[in-house]
PDB file of N, CA and C in Angstrom:
ATOM      1  N   UNK A   1     -77.804 -54.837  61.432  1.00  0.00           N
ATOM      2  CA  UNK A   1     -78.673 -53.743  61.214  1.00  0.00           C
ATOM      3  C   UNK A   1     -79.955 -53.881  60.506  1.00  0.00           C
ATOM      4  N   UNK A   2     -80.980 -52.939  60.642  1.00  0.00           N
ATOM      5  CA  UNK A   2     -82.503 -54.245  59.632  1.00  0.00           C
ATOM      6  C   UNK A   2     -81.988 -52.026  59.103  1.00  0.00           C
ATOM      7  N   UNK A   3     -82.477 -52.208  57.645  1.00  0.00           N
ATOM      8  CA  UNK A   3     -82.719 -51.591  56.841  1.00  0.00           C
ATOM      9  C   UNK A   3     -84.503 -51.176  56.580  1.00  0.00           C
ATOM     10  N   UNK A   4     -85.132 -49.428  57.044  1.00  0.00           N
ATOM     11  CA  UNK A   4     -86.220 -49.080  57.358  1.00  0.00           C
ATOM     12  C   UNK A   4     -86.882 -49.812  55.767  1.00  0.00           C
ATOM     13  N   UNK A   5     -88.103 -50.379  55.712  1.00  0.00           N
ATOM     14  CA  UNK A   5     -88.892 -50.363  54.276  1.00  0.00           C
ATOM     15  C   UNK A   5     -89.298 -49.696  54.239  1.00  0.00           C
ATOM     16  N   UNK A   6     -89.692 -48.851  52.530  1.00  0.00           N
ATOM     17  CA  UNK A   6     -89.985 -47.779  52.165  1.00  0.00           C
ATOM     18  C   UNK A   6     -90.963 -48.328  51.312  1.00  0.00           C
ATOM     19  N   UNK A   7     -92.028 -47.149  52.131  1.00  0.00           N
ATOM     20  CA  UNK A   7     -93.678 -47.903  51.132  1.00  0.00           C
ATOM     21  C   UNK A   7     -93.626 -48.131  49.771  1.00  0.00           C
ATOM     22  N   UNK A   8     -94.835 -49.072  49.169  1.00  0.00           N
ATOM     23  CA  UNK A   8     -94.516 -49.834  47.549  1.00  0.00           C
ATOM     24  C   UNK A   8     -95.010 -49.047  46.755  1.00  0.00           C
ATOM     25  N   UNK A   9     -94.889 -47.280  46.933  1.00  0.00           N
ATOM     26  CA  UNK A   9     -95.898 -46.425  46.678  1.00  0.00           C
ATOM     27  C   UNK A   9     -93.877 -45.605  46.388  1.00  0.00           C
ATOM     28  N   UNK A  10     -93.539 -44.746  47.211  1.00  0.00           N
ATOM     29  CA  UNK A  10     -93.071 -44.800  47.028  1.00  0.00           C
ATOM     30  C   UNK A  10     -91.376 -45.612  45.709  1.00  0.00           C
ATOM     31  N   UNK A  11     -91.065 -46.255  45.983  1.00  0.00           N
ATOM     32  CA  UNK A  11     -90.229 -47.012  45.394  1.00  0.00           C
ATOM     33  C   UNK A  11     -90.582 -46.756  44.044  1.00  0.00           C
ATOM     34  N   UNK A  12     -91.940 -46.925  44.227  1.00  0.00           N
ATOM     35  CA  UNK A  12     -92.472 -47.141  42.634  1.00  0.00           C
ATOM     36  C   UNK A  12     -92.270 -45.783  41.548  1.00  0.00           C
ATOM     37  N   UNK A  13     -92.657 -44.249  42.742  1.00  0.00           N
ATOM     38  CA  UNK A  13     -92.167 -43.070  41.724  1.00  0.00           C
ATOM     39  C   UNK A  13     -91.137 -42.677  41.814  1.00  0.00           C
ATOM     40  N   UNK A  14     -89.867 -44.314  42.618  1.00  0.00           N
ATOM     41  CA  UNK A  14     -88.414 -43.184  42.325  1.00  0.00           C
ATOM     42  C   UNK A  14     -88.351 -44.078  40.911  1.00  0.00           C
ATOM     43  N   UNK A  15     -88.468 -44.933  41.063  1.00  0.00           N
ATOM     44  CA  UNK A  15     -88.239 -45.833  39.363  1.00  0.00           C
ATOM     45  C   UNK A  15     -89.117 -44.937  38.819  1.00  0.00           C
ATOM     46  N   UNK A  16     -89.568 -44.757  38.645  1.00  0.00           N
ATOM     47  CA  UNK A  16     -90.379 -44.344  38.005  1.00  0.00           C
ATOM     48  C   UNK A  16     -89.804 -42.285  36.955  1.00  0.00           C
ATOM     49  N   UNK A  17     -89.047 -41.818  38.281  1.00  0.00           N
ATOM     50  CA  UNK A  17     -88.560 -40.288  38.395  1.00  0.00           C
ATOM     51  C   UNK A  17     -87.016 -41.358  37.216  1.00  0.00           C
ATOM     52  N   UNK A  18     -86.788 -42.061  37.309  1.00  0.00           N
ATOM     53  CA  UNK A  18     -85.139 -42.628  37.082  1.00  0.00           C
ATOM     54  C   UNK A  18     -86.166 -42.521  35.533  1.00  0.00           C
ATOM     55  N   UNK A  19     -86.684 -43.996  34.810  1.00  0.00           N
ATOM     56  CA  UNK A  19     -86.891 -44.572  33.745  1.00  0.00           C
ATOM     57  C   UNK A  19     -87.382 -43.302  33.102  1.00  0.00           C
ATOM     58  N   UNK A  20     -87.749 -41.969  34.099  1.00  0.00           N
ATOM     59  CA  UNK A  20     -88.859 -41.100  33.038  1.00  0.00           C
ATOM     60  C   UNK A  20     -86.869 -40.427  32.186  1.00  0.00           C
ATOM     61  N   UNK A  21     -85.950 -39.755  33.385  1.00  0.00           N
ATOM     62  CA  UNK A  21     -84.406 -38.863  33.388  1.00  0.00           C
ATOM     63  C   UNK A  21     -83.397 -40.022  32.451  1.00  0.00           C
ATOM     64  N   UNK A  22     -84.157 -41.196  32.107  1.00  0.00           N
ATOM     65  CA  UNK A  22     -82.980 -41.999  31.631  1.00  0.00           C
ATOM     66  C   UNK A  22     -83.104 -41.751  30.607  1.00  0.00           C
ATOM     67  N   UNK A  23     -84.802 -42.098  29.785  1.00  0.00           N
ATOM     68  CA  UNK A  23     -84.993 -41.667  28.888  1.00  0.00           C
ATOM     69  C   UNK A  23     -84.827 -40.108  28.409  1.00  0.00           C
ATOM     70  N   UNK A  24     -85.088 -39.320  28.981  1.00  0.00           N
ATOM     71  CA  UNK A  24     -85.007 -38.020  28.634  1.00  0.00           C
ATOM     72  C   UNK A  24     -83.211 -37.846  27.683  1.00  0.00           C
ATOM     73  N   UNK A  25     -82.826 -38.860  28.733  1.00  0.00           N
ATOM     74  CA  UNK A  25     -81.393 -37.873  28.450  1.00  0.00           C
ATOM     75  C   UNK A  25     -80.279 -38.605  27.192  1.00  0.00           C
ATOM     76  N   UNK A  26     -82.274 -39.820  27.518  1.00  0.00           N
ATOM     77  CA  UNK A  26     -81.453 -41.212  25.565  1.00  0.00           C
ATOM     78  C   UNK A  26     -81.924 -40.151  24.090  1.00  0.00           C
ATOM     79  N   UNK A  27     -83.175 -38.864  24.666  1.00  0.00           N
ATOM     80  CA  UNK A  27     -83.780 -38.377  23.361  1.00  0.00           C
ATOM     81  C   UNK A  27     -82.237 -36.748  23.820  1.00  0.00           C
ATOM     82  N   UNK A  28     -82.088 -37.083  24.406  1.00  0.00           N
ATOM     83  CA  UNK A  28     -80.919 -35.623  24.083  1.00  0.00           C
ATOM     84  C   UNK A  28     -79.849 -35.641  23.242  1.00  0.00           C
ATOM     85  N   UNK A  29     -79.257 -37.290  23.864  1.00  0.00           N
ATOM     86  CA  UNK A  29     -78.051 -37.310  22.876  1.00  0.00           C
ATOM     87  C   UNK A  29     -78.698 -37.765  21.754  1.00  0.00           C
ATOM     88  N   UNK A  30     -79.404 -38.005  21.081  1.00  0.00           N
ATOM     89  CA  UNK A  30     -79.570 -38.645  19.682  1.00  0.00           C
ATOM     90  C   UNK A  30     -79.807 -38.055  18.882  1.00  0.00           C
ATOM     91  N   UNK A  31     -80.773 -36.335  19.368  1.00  0.00           N
ATOM     92  CA  UNK A  31     -80.969 -35.174  19.269  1.00  0.00           C
ATOM     93  C   UNK A  31     -79.585 -34.209  18.195  1.00  0.00           C
ATOM     94  N   UNK A  32     -79.025 -34.179  20.164  1.00  0.00           N
ATOM     95  CA  UNK A  32     -77.817 -33.376  19.465  1.00  0.00           C
ATOM     96  C   UNK A  32     -76.494 -34.288  19.096  1.00  0.00           C
ATOM     97  N   UNK A  33     -76.096 -35.874  19.087  1.00  0.00           N
ATOM     98  CA  UNK A  33     -75.456 -36.582  18.244  1.00  0.00           C
ATOM     99  C   UNK A  33     -76.232 -36.365  16.238  1.00  0.00           C
ATOM    100  N   UNK A  34     -77.503 -36.600  15.924  1.00  0.00           N
ATOM    101  CA  UNK A  34     -78.723 -36.056  14.936  1.00  0.00           C
ATOM    102  C   UNK A  34     -77.513 -34.877  14.197  1.00  0.00           C
ATOM    103  N   UNK A  35     -78.286 -33.797  14.804  1.00  0.00           N
ATOM    104  CA  UNK A  35     -77.766 -33.057  14.712  1.00  0.00           C
ATOM    105  C   UNK A  35     -76.731 -32.331  14.007  1.00  0.00           C
ATOM    106  N   UNK A  36     -75.264 -32.912  15.148  1.00  0.00           N
ATOM    107  CA  UNK A  36     -73.517 -32.999  14.816  1.00  0.00           C
ATOM    108  C   UNK A  36     -74.094 -33.205  13.610  1.00  0.00           C
ATOM    109  N   UNK A  37     -74.846 -34.213  12.969  1.00  0.00           N
ATOM    110  CA  UNK A  37     -74.381 -35.475  11.799  1.00  0.00           C
ATOM    111  C   UNK A  37     -74.866 -35.164  10.777  1.00  0.00           C
ATOM    112  N   UNK A  38     -76.018 -34.335  10.981  1.00  0.00           N
ATOM    113  CA  UNK A  38     -76.633 -33.467  10.305  1.00  0.00           C
ATOM    114  C   UNK A  38     -75.792 -31.607   9.352  1.00  0.00           C
ATOM    115  N   UNK A  39     -74.983 -31.452  10.094  1.00  0.00           N
ATOM    116  CA  UNK A  39     -74.226 -30.129   9.913  1.00  0.00           C
ATOM    117  C   UNK A  39     -72.911 -30.230   9.570  1.00  0.00           C
ATOM    118  N   UNK A  40     -71.777 -31.585  10.431  1.00  0.00           N
ATOM    119  CA  UNK A  40     -70.893 -32.034  10.491  1.00  0.00           C
ATOM    120  C   UNK A  40     -70.431 -31.199   9.383  1.00  0.00           C
ATOM    121  N   UNK A  41     -70.762 -32.020   7.935  1.00  0.00           N
ATOM    122  CA  UNK A  41     -70.600 -32.499   7.482  1.00  0.00           C
ATOM    123  C   UNK A  41     -70.496 -31.601   5.438  1.00  0.00           C
ATOM    124  N   UNK A  42     -71.186 -30.274   6.340  1.00  0.00           N
ATOM    125  CA  UNK A  42     -70.795 -29.199   5.198  1.00  0.00           C
ATOM    126  C   UNK A  42     -70.831 -27.972   6.279  1.00  0.00           C
ATOM    127  N   UNK A  43     -69.645 -28.313   6.607  1.00  0.00           N
ATOM    128  CA  UNK A  43     -68.694 -27.326   7.367  1.00  0.00           C
ATOM    129  C   UNK A  43     -67.499 -26.748   7.506  1.00  0.00           C
ATOM    130  N   UNK A  44     -66.869 -26.329   7.872  1.00  0.00           N
ATOM    131  CA  UNK A  44     -65.509 -26.136   7.577  1.00  0.00           C
ATOM    132  C   UNK A  44     -64.626 -26.811   8.364  1.00  0.00           C
ATOM    133  N   UNK A  45     -65.249 -26.775   9.430  1.00  0.00           N
ATOM    134  CA  UNK A  45     -64.696 -28.515   9.609  1.00  0.00           C
ATOM    135  C   UNK A  45     -64.331 -29.550   9.719  1.00  0.00           C
ATOM    136  N   UNK A  46     -65.213 -30.235   8.580  1.00  0.00           N
ATOM    137  CA  UNK A  46     -65.193 -31.379   8.212  1.00  0.00           C
ATOM    138  C   UNK A  46     -63.927 -31.003   7.099  1.00  0.00           C
ATOM    139  N   UNK A  47     -64.145 -30.087   5.918  1.00  0.00           N
ATOM    140  CA  UNK A  47     -63.243 -30.083   4.666  1.00  0.00           C
ATOM    141  C   UNK A  47     -61.426 -29.574   5.641  1.00  0.00           C
ATOM    142  N   UNK A  48     -61.061 -29.191   6.535  1.00  0.00           N
ATOM    143  CA  UNK A  48     -60.316 -29.107   7.455  1.00  0.00           C
ATOM    144  C   UNK A  48     -59.565 -30.182   8.608  1.00  0.00           C
ATOM    145  N   UNK A  49     -60.191 -31.983   7.286  1.00  0.00           N
ATOM    146  CA  UNK A  49     -59.872 -32.937   8.699  1.00  0.00           C
ATOM    147  C   UNK A  49     -57.997 -33.675   8.548  1.00  0.00           C
ATOM    148  N   UNK A  50     -57.622 -33.326   9.640  1.00  0.00           N
ATOM    149  CA  UNK A  50     -56.115 -33.751   9.011  1.00  0.00           C
ATOM    150  C   UNK A  50     -56.317 -35.125   8.461  1.00  0.00           C
ATOM    151  N   UNK A  51     -56.892 -36.202   9.352  1.00  0.00           N
ATOM    152  CA  UNK A  51     -56.932 -37.449   8.467  1.00  0.00           C
ATOM    153  C   UNK A  51     -57.466 -37.996   8.150  1.00  0.00           C
ATOM    154  N   UNK A  52     -57.903 -37.003   6.525  1.00  0.00           N
ATOM    155  CA  UNK A  52     -58.298 -37.482   4.772  1.00  0.00           C
ATOM    156  C   UNK A  52     -57.022 -36.380   5.576  1.00  0.00           C
ATOM    157  N   UNK A  53     -56.327 -35.316   4.958  1.00  0.00           N
ATOM    158  CA  UNK A  53     -55.352 -35.006   4.839  1.00  0.00           C
ATOM    159  C   UNK A  53     -54.563 -36.431   4.319  1.00  0.00           C
ATOM    160  N   UNK A  54     -54.130 -36.367   5.618  1.00  0.00           N
ATOM    161  CA  UNK A  54     -52.784 -37.468   5.832  1.00  0.00           C
ATOM    162  C   UNK A  54     -53.000 -38.477   4.268  1.00  0.00           C
ATOM    163  N   UNK A  55     -53.305 -39.139   3.963  1.00  0.00           N
ATOM    164  CA  UNK A  55     -54.353 -39.608   2.696  1.00  0.00           C
ATOM    165  C   UNK A  55     -55.054 -39.547   1.337  1.00  0.00           C
ATOM    166  N   UNK A  56     -54.470 -39.440  -0.368  1.00  0.00           N
ATOM    167  CA  UNK A  56     -55.376 -38.695  -0.679  1.00  0.00           C
ATOM    168  C   UNK A  56     -56.893 -39.651  -0.939  1.00  0.00           C
ATOM    169  N   UNK A  57     -56.904 -40.990  -1.127  1.00  0.00           N
ATOM    170  CA  UNK A  57     -58.575 -41.871  -1.160  1.00  0.00           C
ATOM    171  C   UNK A  57     -59.004 -41.275   0.325  1.00  0.00           C
ATOM    172  N   UNK A  58     -58.972 -40.676   1.156  1.00  0.00           N
ATOM    173  CA  UNK A  58     -60.281 -40.819   2.669  1.00  0.00           C
ATOM    174  C   UNK A  58     -60.066 -39.429   2.187  1.00  0.00           C
ATOM    175  N   UNK A  59     -58.938 -38.845   1.132  1.00  0.00           N
ATOM    176  CA  UNK A  59     -59.437 -36.924   1.196  1.00  0.00           C
ATOM    177  C   UNK A  59     -61.208 -36.764   0.625  1.00  0.00           C
ATOM    178  N   UNK A  60     -60.882 -37.740  -0.738  1.00  0.00           N
ATOM    179  CA  UNK A  60     -61.287 -37.630  -1.799  1.00  0.00           C
ATOM    180  C   UNK A  60     -62.983 -37.963  -2.090  1.00  0.00           C
ATOM    181  N   UNK A  61     -62.746 -39.047  -0.481  1.00  0.00           N
ATOM    182  CA  UNK A  61     -64.325 -39.979  -0.253  1.00  0.00           C
ATOM    183  C   UNK A  61     -65.078 -38.704   0.397  1.00  0.00           C
ATOM    184  N   UNK A  62     -63.945 -38.771   1.446  1.00  0.00           N
ATOM    185  CA  UNK A  62     -64.385 -38.049   2.055  1.00  0.00           C
ATOM    186  C   UNK A  62     -65.363 -36.476   1.401  1.00  0.00           C
ATOM    187  N   UNK A  63     -64.354 -35.808   1.212  1.00  0.00           N
ATOM    188  CA  UNK A  63     -65.076 -34.627  -0.405  1.00  0.00           C
ATOM    189  C   UNK A  63     -65.801 -35.293  -0.836  1.00  0.00           C
ATOM    190  N   UNK A  64     -66.519 -36.488  -1.372  1.00  0.00           N
ATOM    191  CA  UNK A  64     -67.468 -36.493  -1.468  1.00  0.00           C
ATOM    192  C   UNK A  64     -69.101 -35.656  -1.309  1.00  0.00           C
ATOM    193  N   UNK A  65     -69.707 -35.150  -2.352  1.00  0.00           N
ATOM    194  CA  UNK A  65     -71.195 -35.280  -2.116  1.00  0.00           C
ATOM    195  C   UNK A  65     -72.468 -36.123  -1.602  1.00  0.00           C
ATOM    196  N   UNK A  66     -71.513 -37.342  -2.326  1.00  0.00           N
ATOM    197  CA  UNK A  66     -72.590 -38.044  -1.894  1.00  0.00           C
ATOM    198  C   UNK A  66     -72.546 -39.353  -0.547  1.00  0.00           C
ATOM    199  N   UNK A  67     -70.977 -38.695  -0.171  1.00  0.00           N
ATOM    200  CA  UNK A  67     -70.769 -39.102   1.815  1.00  0.00           C
ATOM    201  C   UNK A  67     -71.596 -38.514   2.816  1.00  0.00           C
ATOM    202  N   UNK A  68     -71.259 -37.187   2.731  1.00  0.00           N
ATOM    203  CA  UNK A  68     -71.931 -35.618   3.106  1.00  0.00           C
ATOM    204  C   UNK A  68     -73.310 -35.908   2.951  1.00  0.00           C
ATOM    205  N   UNK A  69     -73.841 -36.302   1.842  1.00  0.00           N
ATOM    206  CA  UNK A  69     -75.235 -36.463   1.953  1.00  0.00           C
ATOM    207  C   UNK A  69     -76.208 -38.262   2.863  1.00  0.00           C
ATOM    208  N   UNK A  70     -74.614 -38.828   2.992  1.00  0.00           N
ATOM    209  CA  UNK A  70     -74.793 -40.091   3.520  1.00  0.00           C
ATOM    210  C   UNK A  70     -74.962 -40.432   4.827  1.00  0.00           C
ATOM    211  N   UNK A  71     -73.908 -39.211   5.138  1.00  0.00           N
ATOM    212  CA  UNK A  71     -73.904 -38.709   6.669  1.00  0.00           C
ATOM    213  C   UNK A  71     -75.022 -38.002   7.273  1.00  0.00           C
ATOM    214  N   UNK A  72     -75.918 -36.487   6.433  1.00  0.00           N
ATOM    215  CA  UNK A  72     -76.353 -36.074   6.637  1.00  0.00           C
ATOM    216  C   UNK A  72     -77.293 -36.917   7.276  1.00  0.00           C
ATOM    217  N   UNK A  73     -77.978 -37.710   6.093  1.00  0.00           N
ATOM    218  CA  UNK A  73     -79.498 -38.957   6.629  1.00  0.00           C
ATOM    219  C   UNK A  73     -79.606 -39.322   7.563  1.00  0.00           C
ATOM    220  N   UNK A  74     -78.163 -39.916   7.796  1.00  0.00           N
ATOM    221  CA  UNK A  74     -77.513 -41.183   9.324  1.00  0.00           C
ATOM    222  C   UNK A  74     -78.315 -39.681   9.882  1.00  0.00           C
ATOM    223  N   UNK A  75     -77.659 -38.655  10.148  1.00  0.00           N
ATOM    224  CA  UNK A  75     -78.184 -37.690  11.534  1.00  0.00           C
ATOM    225  C   UNK A  75     -79.519 -37.367  10.980  1.00  0.00           C
ATOM    226  N   UNK A  76     -80.512 -37.910   9.858  1.00  0.00           N
ATOM    227  CA  UNK A  76     -81.293 -37.334  10.174  1.00  0.00           C
ATOM    228  C   UNK A  76     -82.432 -38.371  10.237  1.00  0.00           C
ATOM    229  N   UNK A  77     -81.972 -39.604   9.835  1.00  0.00           N
ATOM    230  CA  UNK A  77     -82.792 -40.365  11.151  1.00  0.00           C
ATOM    231  C   UNK A  77     -82.808 -40.052  12.717  1.00  0.00           C
ATOM    232  N   UNK A  78     -81.405 -40.111  12.721  1.00  0.00           N
ATOM    233  CA  UNK A  78     -80.838 -40.150  14.371  1.00  0.00           C
ATOM    234  C   UNK A  78     -82.305 -38.941  14.855  1.00  0.00           C
ATOM    235  N   UNK A  79     -81.378 -37.703  14.478  1.00  0.00           N
ATOM    236  CA  UNK A  79     -82.619 -36.827  14.318  1.00  0.00           C
ATOM    237  C   UNK A  79     -83.520 -37.871  14.857  1.00  0.00           C
ATOM    238  N   UNK A  80     -84.476 -38.528  13.721  1.00  0.00           N
ATOM    239  CA  UNK A  80     -85.593 -38.689  13.738  1.00  0.00           C
ATOM    240  C   UNK A  80     -86.397 -39.239  15.458  1.00  0.00           C
ATOM    241  N   UNK A  81     -85.379 -40.483  15.681  1.00  0.00           N
ATOM    242  CA  UNK A  81     -85.556 -41.581  16.805  1.00  0.00           C
ATOM    243  C   UNK A  81     -85.121 -40.848  18.226  1.00  0.00           C
ATOM    244  N   UNK A  82     -84.107 -39.904  17.736  1.00  0.00           N
ATOM    245  CA  UNK A  82     -84.385 -38.872  19.025  1.00  0.00           C
ATOM    246  C   UNK A  82     -85.598 -38.087  19.471  1.00  0.00           C
ATOM    247  N   UNK A  83     -86.050 -37.166  18.411  1.00  0.00           N
ATOM    248  CA  UNK A  83     -87.177 -37.134  18.080  1.00  0.00           C
ATOM    249  C   UNK A  83     -88.720 -38.418  18.726  1.00  0.00           C
ATOM    250  N   UNK A  84     -88.680 -38.777  18.019  1.00  0.00           N
ATOM    251  CA  UNK A  84     -89.606 -40.183  18.507  1.00  0.00           C
ATOM    252  C   UNK A  84     -89.825 -40.725  20.233  1.00  0.00           C
ATOM    253  N   UNK A  85     -88.110 -40.881  20.820  1.00  0.00           N
ATOM    254  CA  UNK A  85     -88.389 -41.498  21.796  1.00  0.00           C
ATOM    255  C   UNK A  85     -88.432 -39.757  22.710  1.00  0.00           C
ATOM    256  N   UNK A  86     -87.844 -38.919  22.796  1.00  0.00           N
ATOM    257  CA  UNK A  86     -89.156 -37.301  22.940  1.00  0.00           C
ATOM    258  C   UNK A  86     -90.322 -37.597  23.103  1.00  0.00           C
ATOM    259  N   UNK A  87     -91.345 -37.322  21.771  1.00  0.00           N
ATOM    260  CA  UNK A  87     -92.332 -38.617  22.288  1.00  0.00           C
ATOM    261  C   UNK A  87     -93.116 -39.163  22.974  1.00  0.00           C
ATOM    262  N   UNK A  88     -92.567 -40.090  22.673  1.00  0.00           N
ATOM    263  CA  UNK A  88     -92.654 -41.450  23.722  1.00  0.00           C
ATOM    264  C   UNK A  88     -93.236 -41.225  24.807  1.00  0.00           C
ATOM    265  N   UNK A  89     -91.236 -40.573  25.691  1.00  0.00           N
ATOM    266  CA  UNK A  89     -91.394 -40.406  27.058  1.00  0.00           C
ATOM    267  C   UNK A  89     -92.285 -39.474  27.289  1.00  0.00           C
ATOM    268  N   UNK A  90     -92.768 -38.911  26.816  1.00  0.00           N
ATOM    269  CA  UNK A  90     -93.529 -37.527  27.520  1.00  0.00           C
ATOM    270  C   UNK A  90     -94.796 -38.133  27.562  1.00  0.00           C
ATOM    271  N   UNK A  91     -95.444 -39.264  26.158  1.00  0.00           N
ATOM    272  CA  UNK A  91     -96.132 -39.261  26.372  1.00  0.00           C
ATOM    273  C   UNK A  91     -96.938 -40.397  27.804  1.00  0.00           C
ATOM    274  N   UNK A  92     -95.855 -41.145  27.826  1.00  0.00           N
ATOM    275  CA  UNK A  92     -95.919 -42.248  28.759  1.00  0.00           C
ATOM    276  C   UNK A  92     -96.015 -41.551  30.353  1.00  0.00           C
ATOM    277  N   UNK A  93     -95.414 -40.669  30.338  1.00  0.00           N
ATOM    278  CA  UNK A  93     -95.409 -40.121  32.111  1.00  0.00           C
ATOM    279  C   UNK A  93     -96.942 -39.624  31.740  1.00  0.00           C
ATOM    280  N   UNK A  94     -96.869 -39.302  30.944  1.00  0.00           N
ATOM    281  CA  UNK A  94     -98.630 -38.208  31.023  1.00  0.00           C
ATOM    282  C   UNK A  94     -99.845 -39.624  30.879  1.00  0.00           C
ATOM    283  N   UNK A  95     -99.380 -41.113  30.768  1.00  0.00           N
ATOM    284  CA  UNK A  95    -100.111 -42.085  31.678  1.00  0.00           C
ATOM    285  C   UNK A  95     -99.968 -43.305  32.467  1.00  0.00           C
ATOM    286  N   UNK A  96     -98.761 -42.353  33.015  1.00  0.00           N
ATOM    287  CA  UNK A  96     -98.909 -42.685  34.600  1.00  0.00           C
ATOM    288  C   UNK A  96     -99.852 -42.665  35.134  1.00  0.00           C
ATOM    289  N   UNK A  97    -100.017 -43.488  36.284  1.00  0.00           N
ATOM    290  CA  UNK A  97    -101.290 -43.478  37.505  1.00  0.00           C
ATOM    291  C   UNK A  97    -100.286 -42.240  38.281  1.00  0.00           C
ATOM    292  N   UNK A  98    -101.071 -41.420  39.012  1.00  0.00           N
ATOM    293  CA  UNK A  98    -100.343 -40.896  39.687  1.00  0.00           C
ATOM    294  C   UNK A  98    -100.266 -41.864  41.222  1.00  0.00           C
ATOM    295  N   UNK A  99    -100.499 -42.518  41.831  1.00  0.00           N
ATOM    296  CA  UNK A  99    -100.859 -42.964  43.003  1.00  0.00           C
ATOM    297  C   UNK A  99    -100.003 -44.511  42.309  1.00  0.00           C
ATOM    298  N   UNK A 100     -99.830 -44.666  43.685  1.00  0.00           N
ATOM    299  CA  UNK A 100     -99.153 -46.071  43.973  1.00  0.00           C
ATOM    300  C   UNK A 100     -99.389 -47.221  42.937  1.00  0.00           C
ATOM    301  N   UNK A 101     -98.533 -48.480  42.163  1.00  0.00           N
ATOM    302  CA  UNK A 101     -99.128 -49.097  41.047  1.00  0.00           C
ATOM    303  C   UNK A 101     -99.938 -50.354  42.379  1.00  0.00           C
ATOM    304  N   UNK A 102    -100.493 -50.889  41.108  1.00  0.00           N
ATOM    305  CA  UNK A 102    -101.006 -52.168  41.961  1.00  0.00           C
ATOM    306  C   UNK A 102    -101.020 -53.825  42.234  1.00  0.00           C
ATOM    307  N   UNK A 103     -99.919 -52.734  41.039  1.00  0.00           N
ATOM    308  CA  UNK A 103     -99.160 -54.891  40.322  1.00  0.00           C
ATOM    309  C   UNK A 103     -97.894 -55.090  41.958  1.00  0.00           C
ATOM    310  N   UNK A 104     -97.652 -54.136  42.225  1.00  0.00           N
ATOM    311  CA  UNK A 104     -96.836 -54.516  43.383  1.00  0.00           C
ATOM    312  C   UNK A 104     -96.910 -54.680  44.501  1.00  0.00           C
ATOM    313  N   UNK A 105     -96.364 -55.802  45.632  1.00  0.00           N
ATOM    314  CA  UNK A 105     -96.800 -55.570  46.611  1.00  0.00           C
ATOM    315  C   UNK A 105     -96.305 -54.897  47.707  1.00  0.00           C
TER     316      UNK A 105
END
């Protein structure tokens, strides 16, 4: 049984949609993870950690403002990476040609 061949433009459009959607999901993941890393160290959830309460050394380390600031700093960097990926996806989507690609046979 032979499969029907799709026109080159339709295949390129599908790939463009999948690529754009995956980039948006990637950006959403980074934005969400960054937001959690920025907010969590300063919430009550961070202070009532059963794992940290089992070991005094870990509890002292986790309650340190320096560690909280470091985790929040990683969160800010993750947020910036998510915003950069989102901006890149939007800009590249606007630059893509509307018609079929000339490079494909």
